[in-house]
Amino acid sequence: MKLQEIQNRIYELRGQKVMLDFDLAELYLVETRVLKQAVRRNIERFLKDFMFQLNKKEWKELITTCDNLTKNLKFSPSMHSLLQSKE
């Protein structure tokens, strides 16, 4: 995946830059459910704020600006947490 494609999948929510679970899964070439399962099985390795679930208002605001998104609620790892979990 090219850098520009990745940058286009980063959104700002709750004052944090985040990637949606299905975008992150695509980046790692795994299914979304596999990514979530791996995180849940290894939750102790991640910061407490690694992932949060969007509320309906946040999701509606996001899909209003991004027409390629589905209407399901998604978990969203923050970019800060993603970067720290790599350390």
PDB file of N, CA and C in Angstrom:
ATOM      1  N   MET A   1       0.845  -1.168   0.000  1.00  0.00           N
ATOM      2  CA  MET A   1       0.000   0.000   0.000  1.00  0.00           C
ATOM      3  C   MET A   1       0.893   1.235   0.000  1.00  0.00           C
ATOM      4  N   LYS A   2       0.575   2.173  -0.821  1.00  0.00           N
ATOM      5  CA  LYS A   2       1.384   3.383  -0.944  1.00  0.00           C
ATOM      6  C   LYS A   2       1.128   4.328   0.231  1.00  0.00           C
ATOM      7  N   LEU A   3       2.129   5.154   0.520  1.00  0.00           N
ATOM      8  CA  LEU A   3       2.041   6.095   1.629  1.00  0.00           C
ATOM      9  C   LEU A   3       0.807   6.988   1.527  1.00  0.00           C
ATOM     10  N   GLN A   4       0.511   7.500   0.354  1.00  0.00           N
ATOM     11  CA  GLN A   4      -0.643   8.381   0.174  1.00  0.00           C
ATOM     12  C   GLN A   4      -1.949   7.646   0.491  1.00  0.00           C
ATOM     13  N   GLU A   5      -2.029   6.387   0.117  1.00  0.00           N
ATOM     14  CA  GLU A   5      -3.227   5.588   0.419  1.00  0.00           C
ATOM     15  C   GLU A   5      -3.399   5.435   1.928  1.00  0.00           C
ATOM     16  N   ILE A   6      -2.300   5.226   2.628  1.00  0.00           N
ATOM     17  CA  ILE A   6      -2.357   5.099   4.087  1.00  0.00           C
ATOM     18  C   ILE A   6      -2.772   6.429   4.702  1.00  0.00           C
ATOM     19  N   GLN A   7      -2.166   7.509   4.258  1.00  0.00           N
ATOM     20  CA  GLN A   7      -2.494   8.835   4.793  1.00  0.00           C
ATOM     21  C   GLN A   7      -3.965   9.176   4.570  1.00  0.00           C
ATOM     22  N   ASN A   8      -4.529   8.732   3.468  1.00  0.00           N
ATOM     23  CA  ASN A   8      -5.940   9.001   3.182  1.00  0.00           C
ATOM     24  C   ASN A   8      -6.878   8.211   4.089  1.00  0.00           C
ATOM     25  N   ARG A   9      -6.363   7.240   4.795  1.00  0.00           N
ATOM     26  CA  ARG A   9      -7.180   6.404   5.683  1.00  0.00           C
ATOM     27  C   ARG A   9      -7.013   6.792   7.148  1.00  0.00           C
ATOM     28  N   ILE A  10      -6.366   7.895   7.387  1.00  0.00           N
ATOM     29  CA  ILE A  10      -6.200   8.406   8.751  1.00  0.00           C
ATOM     30  C   ILE A  10      -7.205   9.539   8.945  1.00  0.00           C
ATOM     31  N   TYR A  11      -7.994   9.422  10.006  1.00  0.00           N
ATOM     32  CA  TYR A  11      -9.043  10.399  10.295  1.00  0.00           C
ATOM     33  C   TYR A  11      -8.777  11.012  11.662  1.00  0.00           C
ATOM     34  N   GLU A  12      -9.358  12.173  11.906  1.00  0.00           N
ATOM     35  CA  GLU A  12      -9.245  12.772  13.228  1.00  0.00           C
ATOM     36  C   GLU A  12     -10.576  12.627  13.950  1.00  0.00           C
ATOM     37  N   LEU A  13     -10.526  11.968  15.095  1.00  0.00           N
ATOM     38  CA  LEU A  13     -11.696  11.752  15.943  1.00  0.00           C
ATOM     39  C   LEU A  13     -11.283  11.952  17.393  1.00  0.00           C
ATOM     40  N   ARG A  14     -12.120  12.609  18.143  1.00  0.00           N
ATOM     41  CA  ARG A  14     -11.845  12.844  19.568  1.00  0.00           C
ATOM     42  C   ARG A  14     -10.484  13.488  19.780  1.00  0.00           C
ATOM     43  N   GLY A  15     -10.076  14.286  18.816  1.00  0.00           N
ATOM     44  CA  GLY A  15      -8.802  14.985  18.927  1.00  0.00           C
ATOM     45  C   GLY A  15      -7.590  14.108  18.681  1.00  0.00           C
ATOM     46  N   GLN A  16      -7.804  12.893  18.171  1.00  0.00           N
ATOM     47  CA  GLN A  16      -6.707  11.974  17.882  1.00  0.00           C
ATOM     48  C   GLN A  16      -6.760  11.542  16.426  1.00  0.00           C
ATOM     49  N   LYS A  17      -5.619  11.249  15.869  1.00  0.00           N
ATOM     50  CA  LYS A  17      -5.576  10.684  14.527  1.00  0.00           C
ATOM     51  C   LYS A  17      -5.771   9.184  14.676  1.00  0.00           C
ATOM     52  N   VAL A  18      -6.714   8.628  13.906  1.00  0.00           N
ATOM     53  CA  VAL A  18      -7.056   7.212  14.030  1.00  0.00           C
ATOM     54  C   VAL A  18      -7.142   6.550  12.666  1.00  0.00           C
ATOM     55  N   MET A  19      -6.997   5.235  12.672  1.00  0.00           N
ATOM     56  CA  MET A  19      -7.292   4.406  11.503  1.00  0.00           C
ATOM     57  C   MET A  19      -8.423   3.484  11.904  1.00  0.00           C
ATOM     58  N   LEU A  20      -9.314   3.219  10.990  1.00  0.00           N
ATOM     59  CA  LEU A  20     -10.415   2.306  11.259  1.00  0.00           C
ATOM     60  C   LEU A  20      -9.930   0.870  11.177  1.00  0.00           C
ATOM     61  N   ASP A  21     -10.592   0.009  11.910  1.00  0.00           N
ATOM     62  CA  ASP A  21     -10.138  -1.375  12.018  1.00  0.00           C
ATOM     63  C   ASP A  21      -9.994  -2.068  10.671  1.00  0.00           C
ATOM     64  N   PHE A  22     -10.947  -1.858   9.773  1.00  0.00           N
ATOM     65  CA  PHE A  22     -10.868  -2.564   8.491  1.00  0.00           C
ATOM     66  C   PHE A  22      -9.757  -2.018   7.608  1.00  0.00           C
ATOM     67  N   ASP A  23      -9.411  -0.731   7.749  1.00  0.00           N
ATOM     68  CA  ASP A  23      -8.279  -0.171   7.004  1.00  0.00           C
ATOM     69  C   ASP A  23      -6.960  -0.718   7.538  1.00  0.00           C
ATOM     70  N   LEU A  24      -6.869  -0.808   8.845  1.00  0.00           N
ATOM     71  CA  LEU A  24      -5.654  -1.348   9.457  1.00  0.00           C
ATOM     72  C   LEU A  24      -5.475  -2.819   9.096  1.00  0.00           C
ATOM     73  N   ALA A  25      -6.566  -3.558   9.100  1.00  0.00           N
ATOM     74  CA  ALA A  25      -6.502  -4.978   8.720  1.00  0.00           C
ATOM     75  C   ALA A  25      -6.024  -5.123   7.274  1.00  0.00           C
ATOM     76  N   GLU A  26      -6.535  -4.269   6.403  1.00  0.00           N
ATOM     77  CA  GLU A  26      -6.099  -4.328   4.998  1.00  0.00           C
ATOM     78  C   GLU A  26      -4.610  -4.018   4.878  1.00  0.00           C
ATOM     79  N   LEU A  27      -4.135  -3.076   5.669  1.00  0.00           N
ATOM     80  CA  LEU A  27      -2.721  -2.717   5.660  1.00  0.00           C
ATOM     81  C   LEU A  27      -1.851  -3.919   6.042  1.00  0.00           C
ATOM     82  N   TYR A  28      -2.332  -4.718   7.010  1.00  0.00           N
ATOM     83  CA  TYR A  28      -1.591  -5.894   7.459  1.00  0.00           C
ATOM     84  C   TYR A  28      -1.970  -7.161   6.695  1.00  0.00           C
ATOM     85  N   LEU A  29      -2.848  -7.018   5.707  1.00  0.00           N
ATOM     86  CA  LEU A  29      -3.261  -8.126   4.854  1.00  0.00           C
ATOM     87  C   LEU A  29      -3.919  -9.263   5.643  1.00  0.00           C
ATOM     88  N   VAL A  30      -4.782  -8.882   6.586  1.00  0.00           N
ATOM     89  CA  VAL A  30      -5.551  -9.860   7.355  1.00  0.00           C
ATOM     90  C   VAL A  30      -7.015  -9.433   7.359  1.00  0.00           C
ATOM     91  N   GLU A  31      -7.896 -10.357   7.729  1.00  0.00           N
ATOM     92  CA  GLU A  31      -9.303 -10.011   7.864  1.00  0.00           C
ATOM     93  C   GLU A  31      -9.485  -9.160   9.117  1.00  0.00           C
ATOM     94  N   THR A  32     -10.493  -8.291   9.099  1.00  0.00           N
ATOM     95  CA  THR A  32     -10.763  -7.426  10.243  1.00  0.00           C
ATOM     96  C   THR A  32     -10.979  -8.240  11.511  1.00  0.00           C
ATOM     97  N   ARG A  33     -11.748  -9.319  11.405  1.00  0.00           N
ATOM     98  CA  ARG A  33     -12.019 -10.137  12.591  1.00  0.00           C
ATOM     99  C   ARG A  33     -10.741 -10.754  13.152  1.00  0.00           C
ATOM    100  N   VAL A  34      -9.790 -11.077  12.283  1.00  0.00           N
ATOM    101  CA  VAL A  34      -8.513 -11.654  12.725  1.00  0.00           C
ATOM    102  C   VAL A  34      -7.694 -10.609  13.474  1.00  0.00           C
ATOM    103  N   LEU A  35      -7.690  -9.389  12.958  1.00  0.00           N
ATOM    104  CA  LEU A  35      -6.978  -8.298  13.627  1.00  0.00           C
ATOM    105  C   LEU A  35      -7.563  -8.058  15.019  1.00  0.00           C
ATOM    106  N   LYS A  36      -8.887  -7.952  15.105  1.00  0.00           N
ATOM    107  CA  LYS A  36      -9.541  -7.713  16.398  1.00  0.00           C
ATOM    108  C   LYS A  36      -9.268  -8.857  17.371  1.00  0.00           C
ATOM    109  N   GLN A  37      -9.324 -10.069  16.867  1.00  0.00           N
ATOM    110  CA  GLN A  37      -9.073 -11.240  17.700  1.00  0.00           C
ATOM    111  C   GLN A  37      -7.645 -11.216  18.251  1.00  0.00           C
ATOM    112  N   ALA A  38      -6.687 -10.859  17.406  1.00  0.00           N
ATOM    113  CA  ALA A  38      -5.287 -10.796  17.843  1.00  0.00           C
ATOM    114  C   ALA A  38      -5.102  -9.728  18.913  1.00  0.00           C
ATOM    115  N   VAL A  39      -5.760  -8.590  18.737  1.00  0.00           N
ATOM    116  CA  VAL A  39      -5.664  -7.522  19.737  1.00  0.00           C
ATOM    117  C   VAL A  39      -6.268  -7.993  21.055  1.00  0.00           C
ATOM    118  N   ARG A  40      -7.452  -8.586  20.998  1.00  0.00           N
ATOM    119  CA  ARG A  40      -8.113  -9.043  22.229  1.00  0.00           C
ATOM    120  C   ARG A  40      -7.297 -10.121  22.948  1.00  0.00           C
ATOM    121  N   ARG A  41      -6.680 -11.005  22.198  1.00  0.00           N
ATOM    122  CA  ARG A  41      -5.872 -12.069  22.814  1.00  0.00           C
ATOM    123  C   ARG A  41      -4.595 -11.537  23.445  1.00  0.00           C
ATOM    124  N   ASN A  42      -4.133 -10.399  22.951  1.00  0.00           N
ATOM    125  CA  ASN A  42      -2.874  -9.819  23.439  1.00  0.00           C
ATOM    126  C   ASN A  42      -3.088  -8.424  24.016  1.00  0.00           C
ATOM    127  N   ILE A  43      -4.255  -8.180  24.587  1.00  0.00           N
ATOM    128  CA  ILE A  43      -4.622  -6.839  25.033  1.00  0.00           C
ATOM    129  C   ILE A  43      -3.624  -6.250  26.023  1.00  0.00           C
ATOM    130  N   GLU A  44      -2.958  -7.092  26.802  1.00  0.00           N
ATOM    131  CA  GLU A  44      -1.987  -6.596  27.779  1.00  0.00           C
ATOM    132  C   GLU A  44      -0.772  -5.946  27.114  1.00  0.00           C
ATOM    133  N   ARG A  45      -0.560  -6.194  25.856  1.00  0.00           N
ATOM    134  CA  ARG A  45       0.576  -5.619  25.132  1.00  0.00           C
ATOM    135  C   ARG A  45       0.284  -4.227  24.581  1.00  0.00           C
ATOM    136  N   PHE A  46      -0.973  -3.801  24.674  1.00  0.00           N
ATOM    137  CA  PHE A  46      -1.390  -2.519  24.120  1.00  0.00           C
ATOM    138  C   PHE A  46      -1.723  -1.529  25.231  1.00  0.00           C
ATOM    139  N   LEU A  47      -1.584  -0.262  24.911  1.00  0.00           N
ATOM    140  CA  LEU A  47      -1.976   0.784  25.851  1.00  0.00           C
ATOM    141  C   LEU A  47      -3.487   0.770  26.046  1.00  0.00           C
ATOM    142  N   LYS A  48      -3.958   1.285  27.176  1.00  0.00           N
ATOM    143  CA  LYS A  48      -5.394   1.285  27.467  1.00  0.00           C
ATOM    144  C   LYS A  48      -6.195   2.012  26.391  1.00  0.00           C
ATOM    145  N   ASP A  49      -5.616   3.060  25.837  1.00  0.00           N
ATOM    146  CA  ASP A  49      -6.350   3.849  24.833  1.00  0.00           C
ATOM    147  C   ASP A  49      -6.050   3.413  23.401  1.00  0.00           C
ATOM    148  N   PHE A  50      -5.534   2.193  23.233  1.00  0.00           N
ATOM    149  CA  PHE A  50      -5.193   1.710  21.898  1.00  0.00           C
ATOM    150  C   PHE A  50      -6.389   1.695  20.961  1.00  0.00           C
ATOM    151  N   MET A  51      -7.547   1.321  21.490  1.00  0.00           N
ATOM    152  CA  MET A  51      -8.704   1.125  20.630  1.00  0.00           C
ATOM    153  C   MET A  51      -9.945   1.650  21.348  1.00  0.00           C
ATOM    154  N   PHE A  52     -10.803   2.297  20.587  1.00  0.00           N
ATOM    155  CA  PHE A  52     -12.090   2.695  21.147  1.00  0.00           C
ATOM    156  C   PHE A  52     -13.162   2.496  20.096  1.00  0.00           C
ATOM    157  N   GLN A  53     -14.398   2.385  20.556  1.00  0.00           N
ATOM    158  CA  GLN A  53     -15.503   2.175  19.632  1.00  0.00           C
ATOM    159  C   GLN A  53     -16.188   3.513  19.373  1.00  0.00           C
ATOM    160  N   LEU A  54     -16.427   3.774  18.102  1.00  0.00           N
ATOM    161  CA  LEU A  54     -17.117   5.004  17.741  1.00  0.00           C
ATOM    162  C   LEU A  54     -18.571   4.933  18.173  1.00  0.00           C
ATOM    163  N   ASN A  55     -19.094   6.067  18.639  1.00  0.00           N
ATOM    164  CA  ASN A  55     -20.523   6.092  18.921  1.00  0.00           C
ATOM    165  C   ASN A  55     -21.253   6.411  17.609  1.00  0.00           C
ATOM    166  N   LYS A  56     -22.563   6.312  17.615  1.00  0.00           N
ATOM    167  CA  LYS A  56     -23.330   6.496  16.378  1.00  0.00           C
ATOM    168  C   LYS A  56     -23.150   7.878  15.788  1.00  0.00           C
ATOM    169  N   LYS A  57     -23.075   8.894  16.620  1.00  0.00           N
ATOM    170  CA  LYS A  57     -22.889  10.266  16.127  1.00  0.00           C
ATOM    171  C   LYS A  57     -21.537  10.412  15.418  1.00  0.00           C
ATOM    172  N   GLU A  58     -20.475   9.890  16.043  1.00  0.00           N
ATOM    173  CA  GLU A  58     -19.143   9.957  15.433  1.00  0.00           C
ATOM    174  C   GLU A  58     -19.125   9.216  14.100  1.00  0.00           C
ATOM    175  N   TRP A  59     -19.743   8.032  14.075  1.00  0.00           N
ATOM    176  CA  TRP A  59     -19.749   7.248  12.838  1.00  0.00           C
ATOM    177  C   TRP A  59     -20.506   7.987  11.736  1.00  0.00           C
ATOM    178  N   LYS A  60     -21.647   8.571  12.058  1.00  0.00           N
ATOM    179  CA  LYS A  60     -22.427   9.308  11.056  1.00  0.00           C
ATOM    180  C   LYS A  60     -21.652  10.498  10.523  1.00  0.00           C
ATOM    181  N   GLU A  61     -20.947  11.200  11.405  1.00  0.00           N
ATOM    182  CA  GLU A  61     -20.110  12.327  10.964  1.00  0.00           C
ATOM    183  C   GLU A  61     -19.000  11.841  10.038  1.00  0.00           C
ATOM    184  N   LEU A  62     -18.418  10.720  10.373  1.00  0.00           N
ATOM    185  CA  LEU A  62     -17.325  10.172   9.566  1.00  0.00           C
ATOM    186  C   LEU A  62     -17.823   9.716   8.201  1.00  0.00           C
ATOM    187  N   ILE A  63     -18.944   9.011   8.143  1.00  0.00           N
ATOM    188  CA  ILE A  63     -19.423   8.535   6.846  1.00  0.00           C
ATOM    189  C   ILE A  63     -19.978   9.673   5.997  1.00  0.00           C
ATOM    190  N   THR A  64     -20.330  10.785   6.629  1.00  0.00           N
ATOM    191  CA  THR A  64     -20.768  11.953   5.873  1.00  0.00           C
ATOM    192  C   THR A  64     -19.605  12.517   5.057  1.00  0.00           C
ATOM    193  N   THR A  65     -18.418  12.499   5.625  1.00  0.00           N
ATOM    194  CA  THR A  65     -17.249  13.031   4.933  1.00  0.00           C
ATOM    195  C   THR A  65     -16.526  11.993   4.085  1.00  0.00           C
ATOM    196  N   CYS A  66     -16.811  10.721   4.327  1.00  0.00           N
ATOM    197  CA  CYS A  66     -16.118   9.646   3.616  1.00  0.00           C
ATOM    198  C   CYS A  66     -17.149   8.677   3.059  1.00  0.00           C
ATOM    199  N   ASP A  67     -17.496   8.813   1.821  1.00  0.00           N
ATOM    200  CA  ASP A  67     -18.570   8.015   1.235  1.00  0.00           C
ATOM    201  C   ASP A  67     -18.205   6.554   0.981  1.00  0.00           C
ATOM    202  N   ASN A  68     -16.955   6.169   1.197  1.00  0.00           N
ATOM    203  CA  ASN A  68     -16.554   4.782   0.961  1.00  0.00           C
ATOM    204  C   ASN A  68     -16.682   3.909   2.206  1.00  0.00           C
ATOM    205  N   LEU A  69     -17.250   4.439   3.281  1.00  0.00           N
ATOM    206  CA  LEU A  69     -17.358   3.690   4.520  1.00  0.00           C
ATOM    207  C   LEU A  69     -18.733   3.068   4.670  1.00  0.00           C
ATOM    208  N   THR A  70     -18.788   1.935   5.367  1.00  0.00           N
ATOM    209  CA  THR A  70     -20.064   1.274   5.629  1.00  0.00           C
ATOM    210  C   THR A  70     -20.750   1.930   6.824  1.00  0.00           C
ATOM    211  N   LYS A  71     -21.951   1.515   7.111  1.00  0.00           N
ATOM    212  CA  LYS A  71     -22.711   2.122   8.186  1.00  0.00           C
ATOM    213  C   LYS A  71     -22.573   1.384   9.521  1.00  0.00           C
ATOM    214  N   ASN A  72     -21.673   0.437   9.620  1.00  0.00           N
ATOM    215  CA  ASN A  72     -21.464  -0.306  10.870  1.00  0.00           C
ATOM    216  C   ASN A  72     -20.528   0.455  11.792  1.00  0.00           C
ATOM    217  N   LEU A  73     -20.707   0.280  13.097  1.00  0.00           N
ATOM    218  CA  LEU A  73     -19.776   0.868  14.053  1.00  0.00           C
ATOM    219  C   LEU A  73     -18.464   0.105  13.984  1.00  0.00           C
ATOM    220  N   LYS A  74     -17.367   0.815  14.107  1.00  0.00           N
ATOM    221  CA  LYS A  74     -16.057   0.189  14.011  1.00  0.00           C
ATOM    222  C   LYS A  74     -15.197   0.575  15.205  1.00  0.00           C
ATOM    223  N   PHE A  75     -14.246  -0.281  15.531  1.00  0.00           N
ATOM    224  CA  PHE A  75     -13.253   0.042  16.536  1.00  0.00           C
ATOM    225  C   PHE A  75     -12.131   0.791  15.841  1.00  0.00           C
ATOM    226  N   SER A  76     -11.572   1.772  16.530  1.00  0.00           N
ATOM    227  CA  SER A  76     -10.594   2.643  15.906  1.00  0.00           C
ATOM    228  C   SER A  76      -9.339   2.782  16.752  1.00  0.00           C
ATOM    229  N   PRO A  77      -8.265   2.129  16.366  1.00  0.00           N
ATOM    230  CA  PRO A  77      -7.007   2.339  17.080  1.00  0.00           C
ATOM    231  C   PRO A  77      -6.490   3.745  16.807  1.00  0.00           C
ATOM    232  N   SER A  78      -6.034   4.427  17.836  1.00  0.00           N
ATOM    233  CA  SER A  78      -5.471   5.758  17.617  1.00  0.00           C
ATOM    234  C   SER A  78      -4.074   5.618  17.025  1.00  0.00           C
ATOM    235  N   MET A  79      -3.670   6.578  16.221  1.00  0.00           N
ATOM    236  CA  MET A  79      -2.340   6.528  15.615  1.00  0.00           C
ATOM    237  C   MET A  79      -1.266   6.583  16.697  1.00  0.00           C
ATOM    238  N   HIS A  80      -1.496   7.380  17.738  1.00  0.00           N
ATOM    239  CA  HIS A  80      -0.551   7.458  18.850  1.00  0.00           C
ATOM    240  C   HIS A  80      -0.352   6.079  19.462  1.00  0.00           C
ATOM    241  N   SER A  81      -1.448   5.377  19.700  1.00  0.00           N
ATOM    242  CA  SER A  81      -1.362   4.043  20.285  1.00  0.00           C
ATOM    243  C   SER A  81      -0.721   3.048  19.331  1.00  0.00           C
ATOM    244  N   LEU A  82      -1.051   3.171  18.056  1.00  0.00           N
ATOM    245  CA  LEU A  82      -0.440   2.265  17.072  1.00  0.00           C
ATOM    246  C   LEU A  82       1.071   2.419  17.064  1.00  0.00           C
ATOM    247  N   LEU A  83       1.526   3.653  17.072  1.00  0.00           N
ATOM    248  CA  LEU A  83       2.957   3.900  17.033  1.00  0.00           C
ATOM    249  C   LEU A  83       3.619   3.390  18.303  1.00  0.00           C
ATOM    250  N   GLN A  84       2.996   3.609  19.471  1.00  0.00           N
ATOM    251  CA  GLN A  84       3.589   3.148  20.717  1.00  0.00           C
ATOM    252  C   GLN A  84       3.578   1.642  20.835  1.00  0.00           C
ATOM    253  N   SER A  85       2.572   0.977  20.271  1.00  0.00           N
ATOM    254  CA  SER A  85       2.523  -0.482  20.367  1.00  0.00           C
ATOM    255  C   SER A  85       3.610  -1.145  19.540  1.00  0.00           C
ATOM    256  N   LYS A  86       4.180  -0.411  18.610  1.00  0.00           N
ATOM    257  CA  LYS A  86       5.269  -0.947  17.774  1.00  0.00           C
ATOM    258  C   LYS A  86       6.598  -0.937  18.517  1.00  0.00           C
ATOM    259  N   GLU A  87       6.705  -0.114  19.582  1.00  0.00           N
ATOM    260  CA  GLU A  87       7.977   0.010  20.300  1.00  0.00           C
ATOM    261  C   GLU A  87       8.310  -1.211  21.111  1.00  0.00           C
TER     262      GLU A  87
END
